[in-house]
Amino acid sequence: MRQIAMLAEWSSSEAGRQIANARLAFNVTGALLVIGFVHMAEDPVPGRACPAGGAQRRASA
C-alpha cells in the first residue's frame, strides 16, 4: 500500500512540474509575440518612414 502512495505522490509532482513547464513556455512565447508585434507596429518596413513617425523619431534622437 505504501508503494502505491509513493507512486501517486511522484506522478502528481511530475504532472505538476510538467504543467508548470508548459505554462512557462506559453508565457515566454506570448511575451515574444507581443514584443514582435510592438516592434512591427513601430517600424513595419525597415528603412521606410511609418505614418506614426517611428523612423523619424529614431533618426532625430
Protein backbone atom coordinates (compact mmCIF):
# COMPACT_ATOMS: atom_id res chain seq x y z
CA MET A 1 0.00 0.00 0.00
CA ARG A 2 2.85 2.36 0.80
CA GLN A 3 4.35 1.85 -2.66
CA ILE A 4 1.08 2.89 -4.27
CA ALA A 5 1.01 6.06 -2.18
CA MET A 6 4.61 6.86 -3.14
CA LEU A 7 3.83 6.25 -6.81
CA ALA A 8 0.76 8.50 -6.64
CA GLU A 9 2.78 11.27 -4.96
CA TRP A 10 5.58 11.01 -7.53
CA SER A 11 3.21 11.07 -10.51
CA SER A 12 1.30 14.07 -9.16
CA SER A 13 4.52 16.02 -8.56
CA GLU A 14 5.74 15.10 -12.03
CA ALA A 15 2.44 16.23 -13.57
CA GLY A 16 2.67 19.49 -11.63
CA ARG A 17 6.18 20.07 -12.91
CA GLN A 18 5.09 19.43 -16.50
CA ILE A 19 2.17 21.83 -16.13
CA ALA A 20 4.50 24.49 -14.70
CA ASN A 21 6.92 24.00 -17.60
CA ALA A 22 4.10 24.26 -20.14
CA ARG A 23 2.81 27.46 -18.53
CA LEU A 24 6.31 28.96 -18.55
CA ALA A 25 6.79 28.10 -22.23
CA PHE A 26 3.35 29.53 -23.07
CA ASN A 27 4.10 32.78 -21.19
CA VAL A 28 7.52 33.22 -22.81
CA THR A 29 6.04 32.59 -26.26
CA GLY A 30 3.29 35.13 -25.61
CA ALA A 31 5.79 37.74 -24.43
CA LEU A 32 7.94 37.23 -27.53
CA LEU A 33 4.89 37.58 -29.78
CA VAL A 34 3.87 40.83 -28.08
CA ILE A 35 7.41 42.20 -28.42
CA GLY A 36 7.43 41.21 -32.09
CA PHE A 37 4.08 42.87 -32.80
CA VAL A 38 5.08 46.05 -30.99
CA HIS A 39 8.33 46.19 -32.94
CA MET A 40 6.49 45.54 -36.20
CA ALA A 41 3.92 48.25 -35.46
CA GLU A 42 6.69 50.71 -34.65
CA ASP A 43 8.55 50.23 -37.94
CA PRO A 44 6.64 47.92 -40.31
CA VAL A 45 9.06 48.30 -43.24
CA PRO A 46 12.71 48.83 -42.30
CA GLY A 47 14.20 51.94 -43.88
CA ARG A 48 10.82 53.46 -44.72
CA ALA A 49 9.05 56.13 -42.66
CA CYS A 50 5.93 54.84 -40.99
CA PRO A 51 2.81 57.04 -40.67
CA ALA A 52 3.27 57.32 -36.90
CA GLY A 53 6.75 58.75 -37.39
CA GLY A 54 8.70 55.89 -35.83
CA ALA A 55 11.64 56.18 -38.24
CA GLN A 56 11.89 59.97 -37.83
CA ARG A 57 11.82 59.74 -34.04
CA ARG A 58 14.76 57.36 -34.02
CA ALA A 59 16.73 59.41 -36.55
CA SER A 60 16.29 62.65 -34.60
CA ALA A 61 17.19 61.15 -31.20
